[in-house]
Every structure is written in C-alpha cells, then in structure tokens.
Amino acid sequence: MIRSVLFDTETTGLDPMAGDRVIEVAALELVNDLPTGRHFHALVHPQRDIPEEVIRVHGITLAKLEGKPLFGEIADELLEFFGDGRLVAHNAPFDFGFLNAEFSRVGHPPLDAARMVDTLVLAKKKFPGMPNNLDALCRRFGIDLSERTTHNALLDCRLLAEVYVELTGGRQRGLSLADSGQCSMPVASYEAVGPRTPRPITPTEAELAAHTAFVARLKEAVWGMM
C-alpha cells in the first residue's frame, strides 16, 4: 500500500517572497494513487490585505477570514496529515513554495522537494503543446466542472484527484492481475454483486437454419470441416 497526499492552496498573490500568504489549504489522502475519502481543509488568516484582483479569482475576502486560525495554529495538524509519503499538486513548485515560506515563519523545516509529484508535468508529457490547466484537463477527461465558479482549494483537490486518476491510469488498476495471480479487485466488490446465475442460450430452429445457410456461403468455412 502506497499512501500519498494530493493538496492545493489559495493565496493572497503569486510571490511568497514578496509577502504573499496562504489563506486556504486543502489535502486529500490517496492510497495507491486513488482517493480514500479522508481530507484536511483549513481557512487561514493571512495577517495582511487581499488584493481585489486576487479576490476575483478565489472569492475569499478578508472578512471571510475573520476569526480563522493563523497558519502556525494549523501547521502541526497539516504536517501530520501529510505524513512522509509523496505530495501531489498541480504546478507543485508554486504550492511547495508557499507552504515552505509559511513553515519557515513558524520554525518548521521545508517540505522535501524529493516528495513532489507535479501533475502539470505529467499532463505536459501526456498532452504536449496543449492547454494543461485544471479546467482544460477536466474538460478533456469529461469531469464535471459545474461547481467550479471560483477557485476553491478543497473542490480543486477533488477535481485534481479525478484528473490524477486519469493521468496515472488508475481507473484500470482494478482490472489488472496481482503478482500472486489473483485479481486485485477487492473481494467486497464481488460479494456486493453476488454469484452469477448461468443463463444457457438455446437457439431456435429458425436461427439454426439461418446459421447453416450463412456458413454454406463461406468459402472453406472451418465450421464445415469439424
């Protein structure tokens, strides 16, 4: 079992080195690259203003963040949820940069870049020369975007998780055979369906006659040699 975490952030701007801060962080647990349903989500007070042009992107105003915790208050819980496995994000260097700046402010070491899995890089390899932002990938894979009226870290995580499954071929994994020679699909999925009931098919006399006439028109049909 391989555990990893897919995550996303919303921020006050584009440059943590210029004083921009994280205002929302969301993360989803993945096991063998598939979502388990466990997630982390927090809104964070940035201790600074949020420019109007940024609010138009994610819809989060400073008023919505009144009374929300500072990053230092959620840092330990976030790191615990991250664990020590891979960290998946779209344009991951951006999110890593912001989180590392926040962790540095509260005395935590930076996230290890070796843990980074960038779905933007995966998408560019799979679809070179094509638009590979989250909206474009969702449309390409037929993923419902109707709820995405603004950027939202938790919703974006859930959409990206579906995209990630498509990029990694995860939807086919239940169809493959394990090394032991047994099917890797969970037994519970069979039990939910129940045993199959045999349904023998007996052709009618008319169907048999039609088949015989069809085979007779074939040149050197193997059926006639049996």
C-alpha atoms as a PDB file:
ATOM      1  CA  MET A   1       0.000   0.000   0.000  1.00  0.00           C
ATOM      2  CA  ILE A   2       1.410   3.383  -1.045  1.00  0.00           C
ATOM      3  CA  ARG A   3      -0.008   6.414   0.754  1.00  0.00           C
ATOM      4  CA  SER A   4       0.374   9.887  -0.691  1.00  0.00           C
ATOM      5  CA  VAL A   5      -1.415  13.218  -0.312  1.00  0.00           C
ATOM      6  CA  LEU A   6      -2.805  15.494  -3.008  1.00  0.00           C
ATOM      7  CA  PHE A   7      -3.071  19.140  -1.953  1.00  0.00           C
ATOM      8  CA  ASP A   8      -3.831  22.689  -3.102  1.00  0.00           C
ATOM      9  CA  THR A   9      -3.533  26.203  -1.691  1.00  0.00           C
ATOM     10  CA  GLU A  10      -5.183  29.573  -2.231  1.00  0.00           C
ATOM     11  CA  THR A  11      -3.095  32.654  -1.520  1.00  0.00           C
ATOM     12  CA  THR A  12      -3.109  36.460  -1.380  1.00  0.00           C
ATOM     13  CA  GLY A  13      -0.927  36.661  -4.502  1.00  0.00           C
ATOM     14  CA  LEU A  14       1.773  34.956  -6.523  1.00  0.00           C
ATOM     15  CA  ASP A  15       5.004  35.539  -4.598  1.00  0.00           C
ATOM     16  CA  PRO A  16       5.607  34.322  -1.043  1.00  0.00           C
ATOM     17  CA  MET A  17       8.977  36.096  -1.017  1.00  0.00           C
ATOM     18  CA  ALA A  18       7.156  39.401  -1.563  1.00  0.00           C
ATOM     19  CA  GLY A  19       4.921  38.841   1.448  1.00  0.00           C
ATOM     20  CA  ASP A  20       2.011  36.955  -0.091  1.00  0.00           C
ATOM     21  CA  ARG A  21       0.436  34.428   2.269  1.00  0.00           C
ATOM     22  CA  VAL A  22      -1.595  31.225   2.276  1.00  0.00           C
ATOM     23  CA  ILE A  23      -5.289  31.766   3.044  1.00  0.00           C
ATOM     24  CA  GLU A  24      -6.643  28.269   2.330  1.00  0.00           C
ATOM     25  CA  VAL A  25      -5.109  24.809   2.216  1.00  0.00           C
ATOM     26  CA  ALA A  26      -6.813  21.532   1.390  1.00  0.00           C
ATOM     27  CA  ALA A  27      -5.465  17.997   1.088  1.00  0.00           C
ATOM     28  CA  LEU A  28      -6.842  14.577   0.127  1.00  0.00           C
ATOM     29  CA  GLU A  29      -5.434  11.219   1.146  1.00  0.00           C
ATOM     30  CA  LEU A  30      -4.573   8.822  -1.685  1.00  0.00           C
ATOM     31  CA  VAL A  31      -3.770   5.126  -1.356  1.00  0.00           C
ATOM     32  CA  ASN A  32      -2.190   3.590  -4.450  1.00  0.00           C
ATOM     33  CA  ASP A  33      -2.984   6.950  -6.111  1.00  0.00           C
ATOM     34  CA  LEU A  34      -6.736   6.598  -5.505  1.00  0.00           C
ATOM     35  CA  PRO A  35      -8.715   8.864  -3.098  1.00  0.00           C
ATOM     36  CA  THR A  36      -9.762   7.255   0.199  1.00  0.00           C
ATOM     37  CA  GLY A  37     -12.243   9.965   1.252  1.00  0.00           C
ATOM     38  CA  ARG A  38     -10.064  11.329   4.086  1.00  0.00           C
ATOM     39  CA  HIS A  39      -9.225  15.010   3.756  1.00  0.00           C
ATOM     40  CA  PHE A  40      -7.810  18.066   5.513  1.00  0.00           C
ATOM     41  CA  HIS A  41      -9.141  21.601   4.992  1.00  0.00           C
ATOM     42  CA  ALA A  42      -8.475  24.933   6.675  1.00  0.00           C
ATOM     43  CA  LEU A  43      -9.038  28.623   6.011  1.00  0.00           C
ATOM     44  CA  VAL A  44      -6.181  30.722   7.362  1.00  0.00           C
ATOM     45  CA  HIS A  45      -5.981  34.390   8.355  1.00  0.00           C
ATOM     46  CA  PRO A  46      -3.086  35.943   6.382  1.00  0.00           C
ATOM     47  CA  GLN A  47      -2.428  38.914   8.685  1.00  0.00           C
ATOM     48  CA  ARG A  48      -2.460  41.200   5.645  1.00  0.00           C
ATOM     49  CA  ASP A  49      -4.834  42.503   2.974  1.00  0.00           C
ATOM     50  CA  ILE A  50      -6.096  40.541  -0.033  1.00  0.00           C
ATOM     51  CA  PRO A  51      -5.966  42.474  -3.342  1.00  0.00           C
ATOM     52  CA  GLU A  52      -9.246  42.841  -5.213  1.00  0.00           C
ATOM     53  CA  GLU A  53      -7.888  41.180  -8.364  1.00  0.00           C
ATOM     54  CA  VAL A  54      -7.000  38.100  -6.299  1.00  0.00           C
ATOM     55  CA  ILE A  55     -10.418  38.025  -4.618  1.00  0.00           C
ATOM     56  CA  ARG A  56     -11.972  37.850  -8.091  1.00  0.00           C
ATOM     57  CA  VAL A  57     -10.072  34.597  -8.665  1.00  0.00           C
ATOM     58  CA  HIS A  58     -10.935  32.670  -5.483  1.00  0.00           C
ATOM     59  CA  GLY A  59     -13.719  34.742  -3.921  1.00  0.00           C
ATOM     60  CA  ILE A  60     -12.141  34.790  -0.450  1.00  0.00           C
ATOM     61  CA  THR A  61     -12.283  38.175   1.261  1.00  0.00           C
ATOM     62  CA  LEU A  62     -10.522  39.207   4.445  1.00  0.00           C
ATOM     63  CA  ALA A  63     -13.933  39.449   6.124  1.00  0.00           C
ATOM     64  CA  LYS A  64     -14.479  35.715   5.471  1.00  0.00           C
ATOM     65  CA  LEU A  65     -11.234  35.000   7.316  1.00  0.00           C
ATOM     66  CA  GLU A  66     -12.021  36.924  10.484  1.00  0.00           C
ATOM     67  CA  GLY A  67     -11.634  34.573  13.437  1.00  0.00           C
ATOM     68  CA  LYS A  68      -9.870  31.908  11.362  1.00  0.00           C
ATOM     69  CA  PRO A  69      -6.603  30.450  12.731  1.00  0.00           C
ATOM     70  CA  LEU A  70      -3.155  31.694  11.802  1.00  0.00           C
ATOM     71  CA  PHE A  71      -1.012  29.295   9.794  1.00  0.00           C
ATOM     72  CA  GLY A  72       1.071  28.431  12.852  1.00  0.00           C
ATOM     73  CA  GLU A  73      -2.063  27.090  14.525  1.00  0.00           C
ATOM     74  CA  ILE A  74      -2.749  24.549  11.768  1.00  0.00           C
ATOM     75  CA  ALA A  75       0.834  23.723  10.780  1.00  0.00           C
ATOM     76  CA  ASP A  76       1.272  20.670  13.014  1.00  0.00           C
ATOM     77  CA  GLU A  77      -2.068  19.161  12.007  1.00  0.00           C
ATOM     78  CA  LEU A  78      -1.283  19.723   8.327  1.00  0.00           C
ATOM     79  CA  LEU A  79       2.151  18.100   8.630  1.00  0.00           C
ATOM     80  CA  GLU A  80       0.630  15.140  10.458  1.00  0.00           C
ATOM     81  CA  PHE A  81      -1.894  14.695   7.633  1.00  0.00           C
ATOM     82  CA  PHE A  82       0.871  14.989   5.028  1.00  0.00           C
ATOM     83  CA  GLY A  83       2.811  12.171   6.694  1.00  0.00           C
ATOM     84  CA  ASP A  84       6.024  11.152   4.970  1.00  0.00           C
ATOM     85  CA  GLY A  85       4.810   9.989   1.554  1.00  0.00           C
ATOM     86  CA  ARG A  86       4.545  11.681  -1.822  1.00  0.00           C
ATOM     87  CA  LEU A  87       2.900  15.111  -2.111  1.00  0.00           C
ATOM     88  CA  VAL A  88       0.877  15.664  -5.292  1.00  0.00           C
ATOM     89  CA  ALA A  89      -0.126  19.095  -6.620  1.00  0.00           C
ATOM     90  CA  HIS A  90      -0.821  20.857  -9.911  1.00  0.00           C
ATOM     91  CA  ASN A  91       2.059  23.233 -10.609  1.00  0.00           C
ATOM     92  CA  ALA A  92       3.548  21.826  -7.405  1.00  0.00           C
ATOM     93  CA  PRO A  93       6.532  24.225  -7.106  1.00  0.00           C
ATOM     94  CA  PHE A  94       4.053  27.071  -6.546  1.00  0.00           C
ATOM     95  CA  ASP A  95       2.278  25.323  -3.640  1.00  0.00           C
ATOM     96  CA  PHE A  96       5.530  23.963  -2.197  1.00  0.00           C
ATOM     97  CA  GLY A  97       6.995  27.475  -2.270  1.00  0.00           C
ATOM     98  CA  PHE A  98       4.083  28.987  -0.365  1.00  0.00           C
ATOM     99  CA  LEU A  99       3.875  26.229   2.231  1.00  0.00           C
ATOM    100  CA  ASN A 100       7.631  26.255   2.784  1.00  0.00           C
ATOM    101  CA  ALA A 101       7.521  30.023   3.342  1.00  0.00           C
ATOM    102  CA  GLU A 102       4.733  29.547   5.900  1.00  0.00           C
ATOM    103  CA  PHE A 103       6.514  26.653   7.619  1.00  0.00           C
ATOM    104  CA  SER A 104       9.692  28.739   7.822  1.00  0.00           C
ATOM    105  CA  ARG A 105       7.819  31.556   9.583  1.00  0.00           C
ATOM    106  CA  VAL A 106       6.740  29.188  12.360  1.00  0.00           C
ATOM    107  CA  GLY A 107      10.036  27.331  12.712  1.00  0.00           C
ATOM    108  CA  HIS A 108       9.314  24.160  10.720  1.00  0.00           C
ATOM    109  CA  PRO A 109      11.768  22.749   8.148  1.00  0.00           C
ATOM    110  CA  PRO A 110      10.738  22.938   4.479  1.00  0.00           C
ATOM    111  CA  LEU A 111       8.989  20.115   2.674  1.00  0.00           C
ATOM    112  CA  ASP A 112      11.403  17.800   0.891  1.00  0.00           C
ATOM    113  CA  ALA A 113      11.331  18.532  -2.847  1.00  0.00           C
ATOM    114  CA  ALA A 114      12.017  14.829  -3.488  1.00  0.00           C
ATOM    115  CA  ARG A 115       8.445  14.138  -2.313  1.00  0.00           C
ATOM    116  CA  MET A 116       6.962  16.368  -5.009  1.00  0.00           C
ATOM    117  CA  VAL A 117       4.726  14.941  -7.742  1.00  0.00           C
ATOM    118  CA  ASP A 118       3.669  17.652 -10.190  1.00  0.00           C
ATOM    119  CA  THR A 119       0.529  16.754 -12.161  1.00  0.00           C
ATOM    120  CA  LEU A 120       1.228  19.665 -14.528  1.00  0.00           C
ATOM    121  CA  VAL A 121       4.456  17.937 -15.571  1.00  0.00           C
ATOM    122  CA  LEU A 122       2.564  14.645 -16.008  1.00  0.00           C
ATOM    123  CA  ALA A 123      -0.082  16.391 -18.111  1.00  0.00           C
ATOM    124  CA  LYS A 124       2.502  18.115 -20.337  1.00  0.00           C
ATOM    125  CA  LYS A 125       4.141  14.771 -21.039  1.00  0.00           C
ATOM    126  CA  LYS A 126       0.798  13.187 -21.906  1.00  0.00           C
ATOM    127  CA  PHE A 127      -0.577  16.167 -23.869  1.00  0.00           C
ATOM    128  CA  PRO A 128       2.421  18.132 -25.198  1.00  0.00           C
ATOM    129  CA  GLY A 129       1.610  21.527 -26.675  1.00  0.00           C
ATOM    130  CA  MET A 130      -1.974  21.513 -25.348  1.00  0.00           C
ATOM    131  CA  PRO A 131      -3.580  23.585 -22.555  1.00  0.00           C
ATOM    132  CA  ASN A 132      -2.992  21.682 -19.322  1.00  0.00           C
ATOM    133  CA  ASN A 133      -4.538  23.824 -16.605  1.00  0.00           C
ATOM    134  CA  LEU A 134      -7.067  22.127 -14.329  1.00  0.00           C
ATOM    135  CA  ASP A 135     -10.118  23.337 -16.276  1.00  0.00           C
ATOM    136  CA  ALA A 136      -8.686  22.109 -19.587  1.00  0.00           C
ATOM    137  CA  LEU A 137      -7.794  18.708 -18.150  1.00  0.00           C
ATOM    138  CA  CYS A 138     -11.239  18.277 -16.595  1.00  0.00           C
ATOM    139  CA  ARG A 139     -12.894  19.054 -19.919  1.00  0.00           C
ATOM    140  CA  ARG A 140     -10.534  16.663 -21.711  1.00  0.00           C
ATOM    141  CA  PHE A 141     -11.402  13.823 -19.328  1.00  0.00           C
ATOM    142  CA  GLY A 142     -15.130  14.636 -19.135  1.00  0.00           C
ATOM    143  CA  ILE A 143     -15.015  15.659 -15.457  1.00  0.00           C
ATOM    144  CA  ASP A 144     -17.912  17.837 -14.236  1.00  0.00           C
ATOM    145  CA  LEU A 145     -16.835  21.468 -13.725  1.00  0.00           C
ATOM    146  CA  SER A 146     -20.259  22.906 -12.942  1.00  0.00           C
ATOM    147  CA  GLU A 147     -19.399  23.686  -9.296  1.00  0.00           C
ATOM    148  CA  ARG A 148     -16.144  25.451 -10.127  1.00  0.00           C
ATOM    149  CA  THR A 149     -17.323  29.057 -10.372  1.00  0.00           C
ATOM    150  CA  THR A 150     -14.226  30.308  -8.493  1.00  0.00           C
ATOM    151  CA  HIS A 151     -11.004  28.689  -7.310  1.00  0.00           C
ATOM    152  CA  ASN A 152     -11.581  26.697  -4.129  1.00  0.00           C
ATOM    153  CA  ALA A 153      -8.801  24.592  -2.647  1.00  0.00           C
ATOM    154  CA  LEU A 154     -10.941  21.652  -1.500  1.00  0.00           C
ATOM    155  CA  LEU A 155     -13.005  21.484  -4.699  1.00  0.00           C
ATOM    156  CA  ASP A 156      -9.849  21.845  -6.778  1.00  0.00           C
ATOM    157  CA  CYS A 157      -8.320  18.925  -4.861  1.00  0.00           C
ATOM    158  CA  ARG A 158     -11.314  16.749  -5.592  1.00  0.00           C
ATOM    159  CA  LEU A 159     -11.238  17.649  -9.285  1.00  0.00           C
ATOM    160  CA  LEU A 160      -7.479  17.152  -9.457  1.00  0.00           C
ATOM    161  CA  ALA A 161      -7.833  13.743  -7.797  1.00  0.00           C
ATOM    162  CA  GLU A 162     -10.081  12.665 -10.685  1.00  0.00           C
ATOM    163  CA  VAL A 163      -7.610  14.105 -13.185  1.00  0.00           C
ATOM    164  CA  TYR A 164      -4.728  12.342 -11.429  1.00  0.00           C
ATOM    165  CA  VAL A 165      -6.519   9.004 -11.686  1.00  0.00           C
ATOM    166  CA  GLU A 166      -6.837   9.567 -15.434  1.00  0.00           C
ATOM    167  CA  LEU A 167      -3.215  10.698 -15.838  1.00  0.00           C
ATOM    168  CA  THR A 168      -1.882   7.651 -13.998  1.00  0.00           C
ATOM    169  CA  GLY A 169      -4.282   5.093 -15.476  1.00  0.00           C
ATOM    170  CA  GLY A 170      -5.743   4.399 -12.038  1.00  0.00           C
ATOM    171  CA  ARG A 171      -9.233   3.522 -13.309  1.00  0.00           C
ATOM    172  CA  GLN A 172      -7.818   0.368 -14.892  1.00  0.00           C
ATOM    173  CA  ARG A 173      -5.979  -0.895 -11.825  1.00  0.00           C
ATOM    174  CA  GLY A 174      -8.851  -2.981 -10.535  1.00  0.00           C
ATOM    175  CA  LEU A 175      -8.804  -4.908 -13.806  1.00  0.00           C
ATOM    176  CA  SER A 176      -5.164  -5.990 -13.578  1.00  0.00           C
ATOM    177  CA  LEU A 177      -3.855  -9.198 -12.022  1.00  0.00           C
ATOM    178  CA  ALA A 178      -1.722  -9.135  -8.911  1.00  0.00           C
ATOM    179  CA  ASP A 179       1.644 -10.902  -8.842  1.00  0.00           C
ATOM    180  CA  SER A 180       0.047 -13.784  -6.969  1.00  0.00           C
ATOM    181  CA  GLY A 181      -2.158 -14.497  -9.981  1.00  0.00           C
ATOM    182  CA  GLN A 182      -5.301 -13.388  -8.166  1.00  0.00           C
ATOM    183  CA  CYS A 183      -7.482 -10.488  -9.204  1.00  0.00           C
ATOM    184  CA  SER A 184      -6.527  -7.238  -7.436  1.00  0.00           C
ATOM    185  CA  MET A 185     -10.147  -6.092  -7.220  1.00  0.00           C
ATOM    186  CA  PRO A 186     -11.391  -6.177  -3.589  1.00  0.00           C
ATOM    187  CA  VAL A 187     -13.458  -9.248  -2.692  1.00  0.00           C
ATOM    188  CA  ALA A 188     -16.145  -6.951  -1.279  1.00  0.00           C
ATOM    189  CA  SER A 189     -16.983  -5.762  -4.804  1.00  0.00           C
ATOM    190  CA  TYR A 190     -17.823  -9.386  -5.813  1.00  0.00           C
ATOM    191  CA  GLU A 191     -19.800 -10.004  -2.662  1.00  0.00           C
ATOM    192  CA  ALA A 192     -21.869  -6.886  -3.290  1.00  0.00           C
ATOM    193  CA  VAL A 193     -22.907  -8.254  -6.681  1.00  0.00           C
ATOM    194  CA  GLY A 194     -23.340 -11.874  -5.585  1.00  0.00           C
ATOM    195  CA  PRO A 195     -22.660 -15.069  -7.565  1.00  0.00           C
ATOM    196  CA  ARG A 196     -23.634 -15.099 -11.214  1.00  0.00           C
ATOM    197  CA  THR A 197     -26.525 -17.337 -12.330  1.00  0.00           C
ATOM    198  CA  PRO A 198     -25.753 -19.344 -15.508  1.00  0.00           C
ATOM    199  CA  ARG A 199     -28.068 -18.446 -18.406  1.00  0.00           C
ATOM    200  CA  PRO A 200     -27.787 -21.123 -21.136  1.00  0.00           C
ATOM    201  CA  ILE A 201     -28.720 -19.905 -24.603  1.00  0.00           C
ATOM    202  CA  THR A 202     -30.580 -22.362 -26.845  1.00  0.00           C
ATOM    203  CA  PRO A 203     -31.028 -21.267 -30.486  1.00  0.00           C
ATOM    204  CA  THR A 204     -34.366 -21.773 -32.175  1.00  0.00           C
ATOM    205  CA  GLU A 205     -34.831 -23.991 -35.262  1.00  0.00           C
ATOM    206  CA  ALA A 206     -35.101 -20.850 -37.414  1.00  0.00           C
ATOM    207  CA  GLU A 207     -31.832 -19.458 -36.009  1.00  0.00           C
ATOM    208  CA  LEU A 208     -30.048 -22.768 -36.614  1.00  0.00           C
ATOM    209  CA  ALA A 209     -31.310 -22.861 -40.201  1.00  0.00           C
ATOM    210  CA  ALA A 210     -30.199 -19.258 -40.802  1.00  0.00           C
ATOM    211  CA  HIS A 211     -26.764 -20.032 -39.400  1.00  0.00           C
ATOM    212  CA  THR A 212     -26.383 -23.140 -41.584  1.00  0.00           C
ATOM    213  CA  ALA A 213     -27.355 -21.139 -44.663  1.00  0.00           C
ATOM    214  CA  PHE A 214     -24.852 -18.398 -43.798  1.00  0.00           C
ATOM    215  CA  VAL A 215     -21.981 -20.851 -43.251  1.00  0.00           C
ATOM    216  CA  ALA A 216     -22.772 -22.564 -46.538  1.00  0.00           C
ATOM    217  CA  ARG A 217     -21.993 -19.321 -48.363  1.00  0.00           C
ATOM    218  CA  LEU A 218     -18.484 -19.105 -46.825  1.00  0.00           C
ATOM    219  CA  LYS A 219     -15.534 -20.396 -48.825  1.00  0.00           C
ATOM    220  CA  GLU A 220     -13.763 -23.253 -46.988  1.00  0.00           C
ATOM    221  CA  ALA A 221     -15.520 -22.402 -43.708  1.00  0.00           C
ATOM    222  CA  VAL A 222     -13.807 -24.084 -40.761  1.00  0.00           C
ATOM    223  CA  TRP A 223     -17.209 -24.882 -39.283  1.00  0.00           C
ATOM    224  CA  GLY A 224     -17.897 -27.258 -42.166  1.00  0.00           C
ATOM    225  CA  MET A 225     -14.686 -29.197 -41.527  1.00  0.00           C
ATOM    226  CA  MET A 226     -15.457 -30.086 -37.902  1.00  0.00           C
END
